[in-house]
N, C-alpha and C. Protein backbone atom coordinates (compact mmCIF):
# COMPACT_ATOMS: atom_id res chain seq x y z
N UNK A 1 -79.30 -56.56 -52.54
CA UNK A 1 -79.22 -55.27 -51.94
C UNK A 1 -77.81 -54.80 -51.64
N UNK A 2 -76.80 -55.65 -51.65
CA UNK A 2 -75.47 -55.09 -51.47
C UNK A 2 -74.96 -54.42 -52.74
N UNK A 3 -74.18 -53.39 -52.54
CA UNK A 3 -73.41 -52.78 -53.62
C UNK A 3 -71.95 -52.94 -53.23
N UNK A 4 -71.19 -53.64 -54.06
CA UNK A 4 -69.79 -53.95 -53.78
C UNK A 4 -68.90 -53.12 -54.67
N UNK A 5 -67.96 -52.44 -54.06
CA UNK A 5 -66.93 -51.69 -54.78
C UNK A 5 -65.60 -52.38 -54.54
N UNK A 6 -64.93 -52.70 -55.63
CA UNK A 6 -63.66 -53.42 -55.57
C UNK A 6 -62.61 -52.54 -56.24
N UNK A 7 -61.59 -52.17 -55.47
CA UNK A 7 -60.52 -51.32 -55.99
C UNK A 7 -59.22 -52.11 -55.99
N UNK A 8 -58.59 -52.21 -57.17
CA UNK A 8 -57.39 -53.01 -57.35
C UNK A 8 -56.36 -52.24 -58.18
N UNK A 9 -55.15 -52.77 -58.20
CA UNK A 9 -54.09 -52.20 -59.03
C UNK A 9 -54.44 -52.36 -60.51
N UNK A 10 -53.97 -51.43 -61.31
CA UNK A 10 -54.29 -51.41 -62.74
C UNK A 10 -53.90 -52.71 -63.45
N UNK A 11 -52.84 -53.33 -63.01
CA UNK A 11 -52.36 -54.54 -63.69
C UNK A 11 -53.07 -55.82 -63.25
N UNK A 12 -54.04 -55.73 -62.38
CA UNK A 12 -54.78 -56.91 -61.93
C UNK A 12 -55.53 -57.51 -63.11
N UNK A 13 -55.36 -58.80 -63.30
CA UNK A 13 -55.95 -59.45 -64.48
C UNK A 13 -57.47 -59.55 -64.37
N UNK A 14 -58.09 -59.69 -65.52
CA UNK A 14 -59.55 -59.87 -65.60
C UNK A 14 -59.96 -61.12 -64.84
N UNK A 15 -59.17 -62.18 -64.93
CA UNK A 15 -59.49 -63.42 -64.24
C UNK A 15 -59.44 -63.25 -62.72
N UNK A 16 -58.44 -62.51 -62.25
CA UNK A 16 -58.32 -62.27 -60.80
C UNK A 16 -59.48 -61.43 -60.31
N UNK A 17 -59.84 -60.39 -61.05
CA UNK A 17 -60.98 -59.54 -60.66
C UNK A 17 -62.27 -60.36 -60.62
N UNK A 18 -62.47 -61.21 -61.61
CA UNK A 18 -63.67 -62.05 -61.64
C UNK A 18 -63.70 -63.00 -60.44
N UNK A 19 -62.56 -63.58 -60.09
CA UNK A 19 -62.50 -64.48 -58.94
C UNK A 19 -62.78 -63.72 -57.64
N UNK A 20 -62.25 -62.52 -57.51
CA UNK A 20 -62.52 -61.71 -56.32
C UNK A 20 -64.02 -61.45 -56.20
N UNK A 21 -64.63 -61.02 -57.29
CA UNK A 21 -66.06 -60.75 -57.28
C UNK A 21 -66.89 -61.98 -56.96
N UNK A 22 -66.50 -63.13 -57.51
CA UNK A 22 -67.22 -64.38 -57.26
C UNK A 22 -67.11 -64.80 -55.80
N UNK A 23 -65.92 -64.68 -55.22
CA UNK A 23 -65.72 -65.05 -53.82
C UNK A 23 -66.58 -64.17 -52.91
N UNK A 24 -66.58 -62.88 -53.18
CA UNK A 24 -67.38 -61.96 -52.36
C UNK A 24 -68.85 -62.33 -52.46
N UNK A 25 -69.34 -62.53 -53.67
CA UNK A 25 -70.75 -62.88 -53.87
C UNK A 25 -71.10 -64.19 -53.17
N UNK A 26 -70.26 -65.21 -53.34
CA UNK A 26 -70.52 -66.50 -52.72
C UNK A 26 -70.59 -66.38 -51.20
N UNK A 27 -69.70 -65.60 -50.60
CA UNK A 27 -69.71 -65.40 -49.15
C UNK A 27 -70.94 -64.61 -48.71
N UNK A 28 -71.36 -63.64 -49.51
CA UNK A 28 -72.57 -62.88 -49.17
C UNK A 28 -73.77 -63.80 -49.12
N UNK A 29 -73.90 -64.68 -50.10
CA UNK A 29 -75.06 -65.58 -50.17
C UNK A 29 -74.98 -66.64 -49.07
N UNK A 30 -73.83 -67.28 -48.91
CA UNK A 30 -73.72 -68.42 -47.99
C UNK A 30 -73.62 -68.02 -46.52
N UNK A 31 -73.06 -66.84 -46.24
CA UNK A 31 -72.84 -66.46 -44.85
C UNK A 31 -73.75 -65.31 -44.40
N UNK A 32 -73.96 -64.34 -45.28
CA UNK A 32 -74.66 -63.11 -44.88
C UNK A 32 -76.12 -63.07 -45.35
N UNK A 33 -76.64 -64.19 -45.85
CA UNK A 33 -78.05 -64.29 -46.24
C UNK A 33 -78.48 -63.27 -47.30
N UNK A 34 -77.59 -62.98 -48.22
CA UNK A 34 -77.94 -62.11 -49.35
C UNK A 34 -78.70 -62.95 -50.36
N UNK A 35 -79.77 -62.41 -50.94
CA UNK A 35 -80.55 -63.19 -51.91
C UNK A 35 -79.73 -63.60 -53.14
N UNK A 36 -80.03 -64.77 -53.67
CA UNK A 36 -79.39 -65.23 -54.90
C UNK A 36 -79.67 -64.23 -56.02
N UNK A 37 -78.72 -64.03 -56.90
CA UNK A 37 -78.77 -63.13 -58.05
C UNK A 37 -78.61 -61.66 -57.67
N UNK A 38 -78.43 -61.36 -56.39
CA UNK A 38 -78.27 -59.97 -55.94
C UNK A 38 -76.78 -59.64 -55.99
N UNK A 39 -76.28 -59.51 -57.20
CA UNK A 39 -74.84 -59.30 -57.43
C UNK A 39 -74.65 -58.00 -58.20
N UNK A 40 -74.38 -56.93 -57.45
CA UNK A 40 -74.09 -55.62 -58.03
C UNK A 40 -72.69 -55.24 -57.59
N UNK A 41 -71.76 -55.13 -58.55
CA UNK A 41 -70.36 -54.86 -58.23
C UNK A 41 -69.79 -53.82 -59.18
N UNK A 42 -68.97 -52.95 -58.63
CA UNK A 42 -68.27 -51.94 -59.41
C UNK A 42 -66.78 -52.16 -59.18
N UNK A 43 -66.04 -52.32 -60.27
CA UNK A 43 -64.60 -52.55 -60.18
C UNK A 43 -63.87 -51.32 -60.69
N UNK A 44 -62.91 -50.89 -59.90
CA UNK A 44 -62.06 -49.77 -60.29
C UNK A 44 -60.61 -50.25 -60.30
N UNK A 45 -59.92 -49.99 -61.40
CA UNK A 45 -58.49 -50.27 -61.47
C UNK A 45 -57.75 -48.95 -61.31
N UNK A 46 -56.64 -48.99 -60.58
CA UNK A 46 -55.94 -47.77 -60.22
C UNK A 46 -54.45 -47.84 -60.52
N UNK A 47 -53.87 -46.69 -60.87
CA UNK A 47 -52.42 -46.57 -60.98
C UNK A 47 -51.83 -46.73 -59.58
N UNK A 48 -50.54 -47.05 -59.52
CA UNK A 48 -49.87 -47.34 -58.24
C UNK A 48 -50.04 -46.21 -57.22
N UNK A 49 -50.01 -44.96 -57.67
CA UNK A 49 -50.11 -43.84 -56.72
C UNK A 49 -51.55 -43.57 -56.27
N UNK A 50 -52.51 -44.32 -56.76
CA UNK A 50 -53.91 -44.11 -56.39
C UNK A 50 -54.41 -45.08 -55.33
N UNK A 51 -53.61 -46.06 -54.97
CA UNK A 51 -53.94 -46.97 -53.88
C UNK A 51 -52.96 -46.68 -52.74
N UNK A 52 -53.42 -45.94 -51.77
CA UNK A 52 -52.56 -45.46 -50.69
C UNK A 52 -52.82 -46.29 -49.43
N UNK A 53 -51.76 -46.77 -48.82
CA UNK A 53 -51.82 -47.56 -47.60
C UNK A 53 -50.52 -47.32 -46.83
N UNK A 54 -50.51 -47.57 -45.53
CA UNK A 54 -49.29 -47.30 -44.75
C UNK A 54 -48.18 -48.32 -45.05
N UNK A 55 -47.08 -47.82 -45.58
CA UNK A 55 -45.95 -48.69 -45.94
C UNK A 55 -45.42 -49.44 -44.73
N UNK A 56 -45.52 -48.84 -43.55
CA UNK A 56 -45.02 -49.49 -42.34
C UNK A 56 -46.04 -50.45 -41.74
N UNK A 57 -47.19 -50.54 -42.36
CA UNK A 57 -48.24 -51.44 -41.88
C UNK A 57 -49.18 -50.75 -40.91
N UNK A 58 -50.22 -51.48 -40.50
CA UNK A 58 -51.22 -50.95 -39.57
C UNK A 58 -51.80 -52.11 -38.77
N UNK A 59 -51.86 -51.94 -37.46
CA UNK A 59 -52.39 -52.97 -36.56
C UNK A 59 -51.69 -54.32 -36.74
N UNK A 60 -50.38 -54.24 -37.04
CA UNK A 60 -49.59 -55.46 -37.18
C UNK A 60 -49.71 -56.13 -38.54
N UNK A 61 -50.39 -55.49 -39.47
CA UNK A 61 -50.58 -56.05 -40.81
C UNK A 61 -49.79 -55.21 -41.80
N UNK A 62 -48.98 -55.87 -42.63
CA UNK A 62 -48.26 -55.16 -43.69
C UNK A 62 -48.96 -55.42 -45.01
N UNK A 63 -48.85 -54.46 -45.90
CA UNK A 63 -49.55 -54.52 -47.18
C UNK A 63 -48.55 -54.49 -48.33
N UNK A 64 -49.01 -54.93 -49.50
CA UNK A 64 -48.17 -54.91 -50.69
C UNK A 64 -48.88 -54.10 -51.79
N UNK A 65 -48.22 -53.96 -52.91
CA UNK A 65 -48.81 -53.24 -54.04
C UNK A 65 -50.04 -53.95 -54.60
N UNK A 66 -50.28 -55.18 -54.16
CA UNK A 66 -51.44 -55.95 -54.62
C UNK A 66 -52.65 -55.81 -53.69
N UNK A 67 -52.66 -54.79 -52.86
CA UNK A 67 -53.77 -54.59 -51.93
C UNK A 67 -55.09 -54.51 -52.70
N UNK A 68 -56.13 -55.08 -52.11
CA UNK A 68 -57.47 -55.05 -52.68
C UNK A 68 -58.38 -54.37 -51.66
N UNK A 69 -58.96 -53.24 -52.04
CA UNK A 69 -59.91 -52.55 -51.18
C UNK A 69 -61.31 -52.99 -51.59
N UNK A 70 -62.07 -53.47 -50.61
CA UNK A 70 -63.44 -53.92 -50.85
C UNK A 70 -64.35 -53.13 -49.93
N UNK A 71 -65.32 -52.45 -50.51
CA UNK A 71 -66.30 -51.72 -49.71
C UNK A 71 -67.69 -52.21 -50.09
N UNK A 72 -68.44 -52.62 -49.08
CA UNK A 72 -69.76 -53.18 -49.32
C UNK A 72 -70.80 -52.38 -48.54
N UNK A 73 -71.78 -51.88 -49.27
CA UNK A 73 -72.94 -51.24 -48.65
C UNK A 73 -74.06 -52.25 -48.69
N UNK A 74 -74.63 -52.57 -47.52
CA UNK A 74 -75.72 -53.54 -47.46
C UNK A 74 -76.67 -53.19 -46.34
N UNK A 75 -77.77 -53.92 -46.25
CA UNK A 75 -78.77 -53.65 -45.22
C UNK A 75 -78.21 -53.93 -43.84
N UNK A 76 -78.59 -53.10 -42.90
CA UNK A 76 -78.19 -53.29 -41.51
C UNK A 76 -78.87 -54.53 -40.92
N UNK A 77 -78.32 -55.00 -39.81
CA UNK A 77 -78.96 -56.08 -39.09
C UNK A 77 -78.14 -57.33 -38.93
N UNK A 78 -76.98 -57.41 -39.55
CA UNK A 78 -76.16 -58.61 -39.41
C UNK A 78 -75.36 -58.55 -38.10
N UNK A 79 -75.18 -59.69 -37.49
CA UNK A 79 -74.47 -59.75 -36.21
C UNK A 79 -72.96 -59.61 -36.42
N UNK A 80 -72.27 -59.34 -35.33
CA UNK A 80 -70.81 -59.28 -35.37
C UNK A 80 -70.24 -60.63 -35.80
N UNK A 81 -70.82 -61.72 -35.32
CA UNK A 81 -70.32 -63.04 -35.69
C UNK A 81 -70.46 -63.31 -37.19
N UNK A 82 -71.57 -62.88 -37.77
CA UNK A 82 -71.76 -63.04 -39.22
C UNK A 82 -70.72 -62.22 -39.97
N UNK A 83 -70.49 -61.01 -39.52
CA UNK A 83 -69.50 -60.15 -40.19
C UNK A 83 -68.10 -60.75 -40.08
N UNK A 84 -67.74 -61.27 -38.91
CA UNK A 84 -66.43 -61.90 -38.74
C UNK A 84 -66.28 -63.09 -39.69
N UNK A 85 -67.30 -63.92 -39.75
CA UNK A 85 -67.25 -65.09 -40.64
C UNK A 85 -67.15 -64.65 -42.10
N UNK A 86 -67.84 -63.58 -42.44
CA UNK A 86 -67.79 -63.04 -43.80
C UNK A 86 -66.38 -62.57 -44.14
N UNK A 87 -65.78 -61.76 -43.27
CA UNK A 87 -64.41 -61.28 -43.51
C UNK A 87 -63.46 -62.46 -43.76
N UNK A 88 -63.55 -63.46 -42.89
CA UNK A 88 -62.66 -64.62 -42.97
C UNK A 88 -62.87 -65.36 -44.29
N UNK A 89 -64.13 -65.61 -44.65
CA UNK A 89 -64.43 -66.34 -45.88
C UNK A 89 -63.93 -65.59 -47.11
N UNK A 90 -64.07 -64.29 -47.13
CA UNK A 90 -63.61 -63.50 -48.28
C UNK A 90 -62.09 -63.52 -48.37
N UNK A 91 -61.40 -63.26 -47.27
CA UNK A 91 -59.93 -63.24 -47.31
C UNK A 91 -59.37 -64.61 -47.69
N UNK A 92 -59.90 -65.67 -47.06
CA UNK A 92 -59.40 -67.01 -47.38
C UNK A 92 -59.77 -67.42 -48.80
N UNK A 93 -60.99 -67.11 -49.22
CA UNK A 93 -61.43 -67.48 -50.56
C UNK A 93 -60.65 -66.79 -51.66
N UNK A 94 -60.40 -65.50 -51.48
CA UNK A 94 -59.61 -64.77 -52.48
C UNK A 94 -58.19 -65.32 -52.53
N UNK A 95 -57.61 -65.60 -51.38
CA UNK A 95 -56.27 -66.18 -51.35
C UNK A 95 -56.24 -67.52 -52.08
N UNK A 96 -57.20 -68.40 -51.76
CA UNK A 96 -57.24 -69.72 -52.38
C UNK A 96 -57.44 -69.65 -53.90
N UNK A 97 -58.29 -68.74 -54.35
CA UNK A 97 -58.62 -68.66 -55.79
C UNK A 97 -57.59 -67.89 -56.61
N UNK A 98 -56.89 -66.93 -55.97
CA UNK A 98 -56.03 -66.04 -56.76
C UNK A 98 -54.56 -66.05 -56.33
N UNK A 99 -54.29 -66.53 -55.13
CA UNK A 99 -52.93 -66.46 -54.60
C UNK A 99 -52.60 -65.14 -53.93
N UNK A 100 -53.52 -64.17 -53.98
CA UNK A 100 -53.27 -62.90 -53.29
C UNK A 100 -53.16 -63.15 -51.79
N UNK A 101 -52.31 -62.38 -51.14
CA UNK A 101 -52.12 -62.54 -49.70
C UNK A 101 -53.37 -62.12 -48.93
N UNK A 102 -53.71 -62.85 -47.89
CA UNK A 102 -54.85 -62.48 -47.07
C UNK A 102 -54.65 -61.11 -46.42
N UNK A 103 -53.40 -60.78 -46.13
CA UNK A 103 -53.09 -59.47 -45.54
C UNK A 103 -53.50 -58.33 -46.46
N UNK A 104 -53.56 -58.58 -47.74
CA UNK A 104 -53.87 -57.53 -48.72
C UNK A 104 -55.37 -57.41 -49.02
N UNK A 105 -56.19 -58.15 -48.30
CA UNK A 105 -57.64 -58.08 -48.52
C UNK A 105 -58.23 -57.17 -47.44
N UNK A 106 -58.53 -55.95 -47.80
CA UNK A 106 -58.99 -54.90 -46.90
C UNK A 106 -60.48 -54.70 -47.15
N UNK A 107 -61.31 -54.83 -46.11
CA UNK A 107 -62.77 -54.82 -46.28
C UNK A 107 -63.41 -53.80 -45.36
N UNK A 108 -64.36 -53.05 -45.91
CA UNK A 108 -65.16 -52.12 -45.12
C UNK A 108 -66.63 -52.39 -45.42
N UNK A 109 -67.43 -52.53 -44.35
CA UNK A 109 -68.87 -52.74 -44.50
C UNK A 109 -69.63 -51.49 -44.07
N UNK A 110 -70.60 -51.08 -44.87
CA UNK A 110 -71.45 -49.95 -44.56
C UNK A 110 -72.89 -50.45 -44.42
N UNK A 111 -73.42 -50.37 -43.22
CA UNK A 111 -74.80 -50.80 -42.98
C UNK A 111 -75.75 -49.64 -43.26
N UNK A 112 -76.84 -49.93 -43.95
CA UNK A 112 -77.83 -48.91 -44.27
C UNK A 112 -79.23 -49.47 -44.07
N UNK A 113 -80.19 -48.59 -43.97
CA UNK A 113 -81.58 -49.02 -43.81
C UNK A 113 -82.11 -49.53 -45.15
N UNK A 114 -83.08 -50.45 -45.08
CA UNK A 114 -83.65 -51.08 -46.28
C UNK A 114 -84.28 -50.07 -47.23
N UNK A 115 -84.84 -49.01 -46.71
CA UNK A 115 -85.53 -48.04 -47.58
C UNK A 115 -84.57 -47.13 -48.33
N UNK A 116 -83.28 -47.30 -48.14
CA UNK A 116 -82.29 -46.46 -48.82
C UNK A 116 -81.85 -47.01 -50.17
N UNK A 117 -82.67 -47.88 -50.76
CA UNK A 117 -82.32 -48.50 -52.03
C UNK A 117 -83.44 -48.30 -53.05
N UNK A 118 -83.04 -48.06 -54.29
CA UNK A 118 -83.95 -48.16 -55.43
C UNK A 118 -83.22 -48.98 -56.48
N UNK A 119 -83.83 -50.07 -56.91
CA UNK A 119 -83.21 -50.96 -57.88
C UNK A 119 -83.65 -50.66 -59.30
N UNK A 120 -84.31 -49.54 -59.50
CA UNK A 120 -84.75 -49.13 -60.82
C UNK A 120 -86.19 -48.65 -60.80
N UNK A 121 -86.58 -48.02 -61.87
CA UNK A 121 -87.93 -47.50 -62.07
C UNK A 121 -88.30 -46.40 -61.08
N UNK A 122 -87.34 -45.88 -60.34
CA UNK A 122 -87.65 -44.84 -59.36
C UNK A 122 -88.48 -45.34 -58.20
N UNK A 123 -88.50 -46.65 -57.99
CA UNK A 123 -89.30 -47.24 -56.91
C UNK A 123 -88.43 -47.55 -55.70
N UNK A 124 -89.06 -47.56 -54.54
CA UNK A 124 -88.43 -48.00 -53.30
C UNK A 124 -88.91 -49.44 -53.04
N UNK A 125 -88.18 -50.39 -53.61
CA UNK A 125 -88.62 -51.78 -53.57
C UNK A 125 -88.73 -52.33 -52.14
N UNK A 126 -87.92 -51.83 -51.24
CA UNK A 126 -87.95 -52.30 -49.85
C UNK A 126 -88.65 -51.29 -48.96
N UNK A 127 -89.66 -50.63 -49.47
CA UNK A 127 -90.39 -49.62 -48.70
C UNK A 127 -90.99 -50.25 -47.44
N UNK A 128 -90.99 -49.50 -46.34
CA UNK A 128 -91.63 -50.02 -45.11
C UNK A 128 -93.11 -50.29 -45.38
N UNK A 129 -93.57 -51.38 -44.80
CA UNK A 129 -95.00 -51.73 -44.94
C UNK A 129 -95.79 -50.97 -43.86
N UNK A 130 -96.91 -50.40 -44.26
CA UNK A 130 -97.75 -49.67 -43.30
C UNK A 130 -98.69 -50.59 -42.58
């Protein structure tokens, strides 16, 4: 049920993008109780002027041209502790697998209701039970 959008610099290698996607998926399954095989990801590569961030930093964090924007839409209901553990696992995992700085891993989570998904066939697979 998650939809992951990954935005990276145009020169980011295919291997790095694959590792980023794998780390996110692994953390979703192991920490956030996402079902196995529920891996829907959209990758966008951008020219340098299309990834905008504060050059002076924000909240004590400075960014580089290698910033990775990750936006995940998933079902509501996860605790703050689960989300904190998820953020940490993704930032550390991406750093370990790719060498990208943890400071450059920017994550936004969007919680939505279960009935806001259709996985095909025009059906509401998670329809409320009457």
